[in-house]
C-alpha atoms as a PDB file:
ATOM      1  CA  MET A   1       9.312  26.358  27.170  1.00  0.00           C
ATOM      2  CA  ALA A   2       9.540  28.821  24.024  1.00  0.00           C
ATOM      3  CA  VAL A   3      12.839  27.043  23.133  1.00  0.00           C
ATOM      4  CA  VAL A   4      11.260  23.540  23.210  1.00  0.00           C
ATOM      5  CA  ALA A   5       8.166  24.706  21.440  1.00  0.00           C
ATOM      6  CA  GLY A   6      10.360  26.185  18.747  1.00  0.00           C
ATOM      7  CA  VAL A   7      12.491  23.129  18.283  1.00  0.00           C
ATOM      8  CA  ALA A   8       9.575  20.819  18.247  1.00  0.00           C
ATOM      9  CA  THR A   9       7.711  23.002  15.680  1.00  0.00           C
ATOM     10  CA  LEU A  10      10.826  23.153  13.260  1.00  0.00           C
ATOM     11  CA  ASP A  11      10.971  19.586  13.398  1.00  0.00           C
ATOM     12  CA  LEU A  12       7.494  19.000  12.625  1.00  0.00           C
ATOM     13  CA  VAL A  13       7.975  21.367   9.660  1.00  0.00           C
ATOM     14  CA  ILE A  14      11.106  19.272   8.517  1.00  0.00           C
ATOM     15  CA  TYR A  15       9.073  16.003   8.732  1.00  0.00           C
ATOM     16  CA  LEU A  16       6.240  17.580   6.817  1.00  0.00           C
ATOM     17  CA  GLN A  17       8.657  18.989   4.194  1.00  0.00           C
ATOM     18  CA  HIS A  18      10.030  15.474   3.711  1.00  0.00           C
ATOM     19  CA  PRO A  19       6.892  13.800   2.285  1.00  0.00           C
ATOM     20  CA  LEU A  20       6.264  16.948   0.508  1.00  0.00           C
ATOM     21  CA  PHE A  21       9.559  16.394  -1.389  1.00  0.00           C
ATOM     22  CA  HIS A  22       8.554  13.055  -1.930  1.00  0.00           C
ATOM     23  CA  HIS A  23       5.088  13.454  -3.311  1.00  0.00           C
ATOM     24  CA  LEU A  24       5.395  16.785  -5.614  1.00  0.00           C
ATOM     25  CA  PRO A  25       7.158  15.896  -8.839  1.00  0.00           C
ATOM     26  CA  ALA A  26       9.328  19.150  -9.125  1.00  0.00           C
ATOM     27  CA  LEU A  27      10.550  18.580  -5.609  1.00  0.00           C
ATOM     28  CA  TRP A  28      10.930  14.709  -6.014  1.00  0.00           C
ATOM     29  CA  ARG A  29      13.385  15.335  -9.021  1.00  0.00           C
ATOM     30  CA  LEU A  30      15.668  17.347  -6.407  1.00  0.00           C
ATOM     31  CA  HIS A  31      15.350  14.889  -3.435  1.00  0.00           C
ATOM     32  CA  GLY A  32      15.698  11.964  -5.509  1.00  0.00           C
ATOM     33  CA  VAL A  33      19.493  12.703  -5.673  1.00  0.00           C
ATOM     34  CA  HIS A  34      19.591  11.872  -1.849  1.00  0.00           C
ATOM     35  CA  HIS A  35      17.943   8.411  -2.593  1.00  0.00           C
ATOM     36  CA  THR A  36      20.345   7.577  -5.259  1.00  0.00           C
ATOM     37  CA  ASP A  37      23.282   6.669  -2.775  1.00  0.00           C
ATOM     38  CA  LEU A  38      23.796   2.959  -3.058  1.00  0.00           C
ATOM     39  CA  ASP A  39      25.476   2.696   0.056  1.00  0.00           C
ATOM     40  CA  PHE A  40      23.664   3.754   3.483  1.00  0.00           C
ATOM     41  CA  ASP A  41      26.262   5.348   5.534  1.00  0.00           C
ATOM     42  CA  VAL A  42      27.025   8.785   7.309  1.00  0.00           C
ATOM     43  CA  THR A  43      27.684  10.413   3.986  1.00  0.00           C
ATOM     44  CA  THR A  44      24.211   9.661   2.886  1.00  0.00           C
ATOM     45  CA  GLY A  45      23.222  12.320   5.707  1.00  0.00           C
ATOM     46  CA  ILE A  46      24.832  15.154   3.472  1.00  0.00           C
ATOM     47  CA  HIS A  47      24.084  13.675  -0.003  1.00  0.00           C
ATOM     48  CA  PHE A  48      21.635  16.261  -1.064  1.00  0.00           C
ATOM     49  CA  HIS A  49      21.195  18.495  -4.268  1.00  0.00           C
ATOM     50  CA  PRO A  50      22.322  22.210  -3.390  1.00  0.00           C
ATOM     51  CA  ILE A  51      18.935  23.521  -4.829  1.00  0.00           C
ATOM     52  CA  GLU A  52      16.942  21.222  -2.071  1.00  0.00           C
ATOM     53  CA  ILE A  53      19.256  22.702   0.453  1.00  0.00           C
ATOM     54  CA  LEU A  54      18.504  26.223  -0.292  1.00  0.00           C
ATOM     55  CA  LEU A  55      14.662  25.368  -0.615  1.00  0.00           C
ATOM     56  CA  SER A  56      14.747  23.670   2.704  1.00  0.00           C
ATOM     57  CA  MET A  57      16.590  26.575   4.400  1.00  0.00           C
ATOM     58  CA  GLY A  58      13.945  28.901   2.785  1.00  0.00           C
ATOM     59  CA  ILE A  59      11.198  26.784   4.308  1.00  0.00           C
ATOM     60  CA  LYS A  60      12.753  26.898   7.700  1.00  0.00           C
ATOM     61  CA  MET A  61      13.276  30.631   7.484  1.00  0.00           C
ATOM     62  CA  VAL A  62       9.797  31.568   6.709  1.00  0.00           C
ATOM     63  CA  VAL A  63       8.710  29.316   9.721  1.00  0.00           C
ATOM     64  CA  VAL A  64      11.348  30.949  12.131  1.00  0.00           C
ATOM     65  CA  ILE A  65      10.078  34.437  11.022  1.00  0.00           C
ATOM     66  CA  VAL A  66       6.250  33.265  11.247  1.00  0.00           C
ATOM     67  CA  LEU A  67       6.727  31.605  14.835  1.00  0.00           C
ATOM     68  CA  GLY A  68       9.123  34.433  15.949  1.00  0.00           C
ATOM     69  CA  ALA A  69      11.338  31.510  17.226  1.00  0.00           C
ATOM     70  CA  SER A  70      14.322  32.588  19.286  1.00  0.00           C
ATOM     71  CA  ALA A  71      17.888  32.398  17.961  1.00  0.00           C
ATOM     72  CA  VAL A  72      18.572  29.682  20.760  1.00  0.00           C
ATOM     73  CA  ALA A  73      15.676  27.422  19.409  1.00  0.00           C
ATOM     74  CA  VAL A  74      17.022  27.768  15.976  1.00  0.00           C
ATOM     75  CA  VAL A  75      20.546  27.069  16.464  1.00  0.00           C
ATOM     76  CA  LEU A  76      19.649  24.092  18.940  1.00  0.00           C
ATOM     77  CA  PHE A  77      17.301  22.861  16.160  1.00  0.00           C
ATOM     78  CA  GLU A  78      20.113  23.127  13.456  1.00  0.00           C
ATOM     79  CA  VAL A  79      22.505  21.422  15.708  1.00  0.00           C
ATOM     80  CA  LEU A  80      20.148  18.792  16.425  1.00  0.00           C
ATOM     81  CA  LEU A  81      19.070  18.209  12.697  1.00  0.00           C
ATOM     82  CA  ASN A  82      22.621  18.022  11.524  1.00  0.00           C
ATOM     83  CA  ALA A  83      23.845  15.617  14.492  1.00  0.00           C
ATOM     84  CA  THR A  84      20.824  13.429  13.953  1.00  0.00           C
ATOM     85  CA  SER A  85      20.916  13.442  10.122  1.00  0.00           C
ATOM     86  CA  MET A  86      24.810  11.877  10.566  1.00  0.00           C
ATOM     87  CA  PHE A  87      23.565   9.538  13.504  1.00  0.00           C
ATOM     88  CA  ASN A  88      20.568   8.214  11.515  1.00  0.00           C
ATOM     89  CA  HIS A  89      22.380   7.708   8.238  1.00  0.00           C
ATOM     90  CA  ASP A  90      25.027   5.719  10.058  1.00  0.00           C
ATOM     91  CA  ASN A  91      25.667   2.128   9.013  1.00  0.00           C
ATOM     92  CA  GLY A  92      26.208   0.797  12.359  1.00  0.00           C
ATOM     93  CA  LYS A  93      24.214  -1.658  14.067  1.00  0.00           C
ATOM     94  CA  LEU A  94      22.859  -0.916  17.668  1.00  0.00           C
ATOM     95  CA  PRO A  95      21.805  -3.767  19.723  1.00  0.00           C
ATOM     96  CA  GLY A  96      18.248  -4.508  19.536  1.00  0.00           C
ATOM     97  CA  GLY A  97      17.300  -3.542  22.975  1.00  0.00           C
ATOM     98  CA  VAL A  98      19.248  -0.150  22.658  1.00  0.00           C
ATOM     99  CA  ASP A  99      17.624   0.572  19.225  1.00  0.00           C
ATOM    100  CA  ARG A 100      14.031  -0.138  20.778  1.00  0.00           C
ATOM    101  CA  ALA A 101      14.729   2.354  23.727  1.00  0.00           C
ATOM    102  CA  LEU A 102      16.109   4.882  21.512  1.00  0.00           C
ATOM    103  CA  ARG A 103      13.302   4.939  19.116  1.00  0.00           C
ATOM    104  CA  LEU A 104      11.104   6.188  21.937  1.00  0.00           C
ATOM    105  CA  PHE A 105      13.283   9.471  21.730  1.00  0.00           C
ATOM    106  CA  VAL A 106      15.243   9.838  18.463  1.00  0.00           C
ATOM    107  CA  VAL A 107      15.202   8.279  14.757  1.00  0.00           C
ATOM    108  CA  THR A 108      17.683   5.631  14.863  1.00  0.00           C
ATOM    109  CA  PRO A 109      19.715   4.393  11.934  1.00  0.00           C
ATOM    110  CA  GLU A 110      17.760   0.883  11.818  1.00  0.00           C
ATOM    111  CA  MET A 111      14.491   3.024  11.761  1.00  0.00           C
ATOM    112  CA  TYR A 112      15.736   5.449   9.071  1.00  0.00           C
ATOM    113  CA  ARG A 113      17.317   2.970   6.915  1.00  0.00           C
ATOM    114  CA  VAL A 114      13.863   1.481   6.177  1.00  0.00           C
ATOM    115  CA  HIS A 115      13.141   4.773   4.236  1.00  0.00           C
ATOM    116  CA  HIS A 116      15.989   4.290   1.872  1.00  0.00           C
ATOM    117  CA  SER A 117      14.737   0.898   0.544  1.00  0.00           C
ATOM    118  CA  VAL A 118      13.668   0.488  -2.907  1.00  0.00           C
ATOM    119  CA  VAL A 119      10.242  -1.284  -1.718  1.00  0.00           C
ATOM    120  CA  ILE A 120       7.480   1.216  -2.194  1.00  0.00           C
ATOM    121  CA  LYS A 121       5.838   0.500   1.358  1.00  0.00           C
ATOM    122  CA  GLU A 122       9.239   0.938   3.115  1.00  0.00           C
ATOM    123  CA  HIS A 123      10.442   3.949   1.148  1.00  0.00           C
ATOM    124  CA  THR A 124       7.238   5.812   1.856  1.00  0.00           C
ATOM    125  CA  SER A 125       7.789   5.428   5.575  1.00  0.00           C
ATOM    126  CA  ASN A 126      10.036   6.878   8.382  1.00  0.00           C
ATOM    127  CA  PHE A 127      10.345  10.363   7.205  1.00  0.00           C
ATOM    128  CA  GLY A 128      11.549  11.981  10.566  1.00  0.00           C
ATOM    129  CA  PHE A 129      15.074  13.078  11.160  1.00  0.00           C
ATOM    130  CA  ASN A 130      15.092  14.070  14.994  1.00  0.00           C
ATOM    131  CA  PHE A 131      12.085  12.829  16.721  1.00  0.00           C
ATOM    132  CA  PRO A 132      10.355   9.545  15.798  1.00  0.00           C
ATOM    133  CA  TRP A 133       6.911  10.886  17.212  1.00  0.00           C
ATOM    134  CA  TRP A 134       5.884  12.232  13.805  1.00  0.00           C
ATOM    135  CA  ASP A 135       5.973   9.287  11.918  1.00  0.00           C
ATOM    136  CA  ARG A 136       3.820   7.493  14.682  1.00  0.00           C
ATOM    137  CA  LEU A 137       1.399  10.354  14.914  1.00  0.00           C
ATOM    138  CA  PHE A 138       0.800  10.408  11.080  1.00  0.00           C
ATOM    139  CA  GLY A 139       0.920   6.845  10.570  1.00  0.00           C
ATOM    140  CA  THR A 140       4.172   6.851   8.506  1.00  0.00           C
ATOM    141  CA  TYR A 141       6.330   4.628  10.949  1.00  0.00           C
ATOM    142  CA  ARG A 142       7.532   1.317   9.706  1.00  0.00           C
ATOM    143  CA  GLY A 143       9.367  -0.790  12.297  1.00  0.00           C
ATOM    144  CA  GLN A 144      11.576  -3.142   9.978  1.00  0.00           C
ATOM    145  CA  PRO A 145      12.016  -3.829   6.279  1.00  0.00           C
ATOM    146  CA  ALA A 146      10.455  -6.980   5.340  1.00  0.00           C
ATOM    147  CA  ALA A 147      13.459  -8.557   3.883  1.00  0.00           C
ATOM    148  CA  GLY A 148      15.599  -7.620   7.077  1.00  0.00           C
ATOM    149  CA  HIS A 149      18.215  -4.972   6.987  1.00  0.00           C
ATOM    150  CA  GLU A 150      20.936  -7.381   5.707  1.00  0.00           C
ATOM    151  CA  ARG A 151      18.955  -8.155   2.449  1.00  0.00           C
ATOM    152  CA  MET A 152      17.381  -4.901   1.970  1.00  0.00           C
ATOM    153  CA  MET A 153      18.265  -3.078  -1.282  1.00  0.00           C
ATOM    154  CA  ILE A 154      19.224   0.519  -0.834  1.00  0.00           C
ATOM    155  CA  GLY A 155      18.533   3.484  -3.315  1.00  0.00           C
ATOM    156  CA  LEU A 156      16.539   3.700  -6.320  1.00  0.00           C
ATOM    157  CA  SER A 157      15.961   0.688  -8.707  1.00  0.00           C
ATOM    158  CA  HIS A 158      16.410   2.591 -11.760  1.00  0.00           C
ATOM    159  CA  ILE A 159      19.733   4.132 -10.874  1.00  0.00           C
ATOM    160  CA  ARG A 160      22.190   1.130  -9.858  1.00  0.00           C
ATOM    161  CA  ASP A 161      25.458   1.856 -11.599  1.00  0.00           C
ATOM    162  CA  PRO A 162      28.162   3.575  -8.989  1.00  0.00           C
ATOM    163  CA  LYS A 163      30.352   4.813 -11.963  1.00  0.00           C
ATOM    164  CA  SER A 164      27.555   7.018 -13.025  1.00  0.00           C
ATOM    165  CA  LEU A 165      26.921   8.425  -9.540  1.00  0.00           C
ATOM    166  CA  THR A 166      29.662  11.191  -9.869  1.00  0.00           C
ATOM    167  CA  LEU A 167      29.065  14.737  -8.533  1.00  0.00           C
ATOM    168  CA  SER A 168      28.600  16.372 -11.879  1.00  0.00           C
ATOM    169  CA  TRP A 169      26.112  13.921 -12.878  1.00  0.00           C
ATOM    170  CA  LEU A 170      24.172  14.179  -9.695  1.00  0.00           C
ATOM    171  CA  LEU A 171      24.202  17.993  -9.941  1.00  0.00           C
ATOM    172  CA  ILE A 172      22.439  17.928 -13.416  1.00  0.00           C
ATOM    173  CA  LEU A 173      20.380  14.839 -12.965  1.00  0.00           C
ATOM    174  CA  PRO A 174      17.219  16.763 -11.682  1.00  0.00           C
ATOM    175  CA  PHE A 175      17.326  18.736 -15.093  1.00  0.00           C
ATOM    176  CA  ILE A 176      17.848  16.116 -17.419  1.00  0.00           C
ATOM    177  CA  SER A 177      15.862  12.967 -16.100  1.00  0.00           C
ATOM    178  CA  ALA A 178      13.112  12.831 -13.646  1.00  0.00           C
ATOM    179  CA  PRO A 179      13.183   9.945 -11.143  1.00  0.00           C
ATOM    180  CA  PRO A 180      10.095   7.712 -11.872  1.00  0.00           C
ATOM    181  CA  ARG A 181       7.266   8.280  -9.288  1.00  0.00           C
ATOM    182  CA  TYR A 182       7.321   5.823  -6.584  1.00  0.00           C
ATOM    183  CA  GLY A 183       3.590   5.736  -6.052  1.00  0.00           C
ATOM    184  CA  ALA A 184       1.366   2.724  -6.648  1.00  0.00           C
ATOM    185  CA  GLY A 185       1.791   1.288 -10.154  1.00  0.00           C
ATOM    186  CA  SER A 186       5.326   2.726 -10.239  1.00  0.00           C
ATOM    187  CA  ASP A 187       8.258   0.471 -11.735  1.00  0.00           C
ATOM    188  CA  ALA A 188      10.678   2.898 -10.023  1.00  0.00           C
ATOM    189  CA  LEU A 189      11.009   0.768  -6.970  1.00  0.00           C
ATOM    190  CA  ILE A 190       9.987  -2.877  -5.916  1.00  0.00           C
ATOM    191  CA  LYS A 191       6.437  -3.198  -4.689  1.00  0.00           C
ATOM    192  CA  GLY A 192       6.254  -5.132  -1.594  1.00  0.00           C
END
């Protein structure tokens, strides 16, 4: 039970961290790098700024210390987090019935893809990585994009040139230009 509780608690912390990285301007500068990806595929799951990775590791380490989580729980959580990050950023399409059934237990690509939309209502939803329950519990779940998955625009509307999305540019992006806020009144994302 301690392992299950440790994994669930770490997953809740990562869920809570995700909207925090969207809402606090300094953290959004870093996390916005993840949302610059114009394609949604398995590589998007590792498309994070190194400083964001270090901050996330620090948050998890503090939680592990405070909880006294076992090594088994921590390793199991990290394996799940990395595996589901690759899975839910996959560009494949699951059959509708399979997707609906899996969404009861894990964040699916169809569910998570909505979070990478340029539409504000969609971009501010589906923050979970492993378990879909947190989005439902906290009211951030959105089943489908308004335009459908085939017509949904991925990324950030103010960064659309693939030629400028080089590694060196993405590493300095948080320090040279803050991604515009995506909240009400923002022109950074499409209102919808």
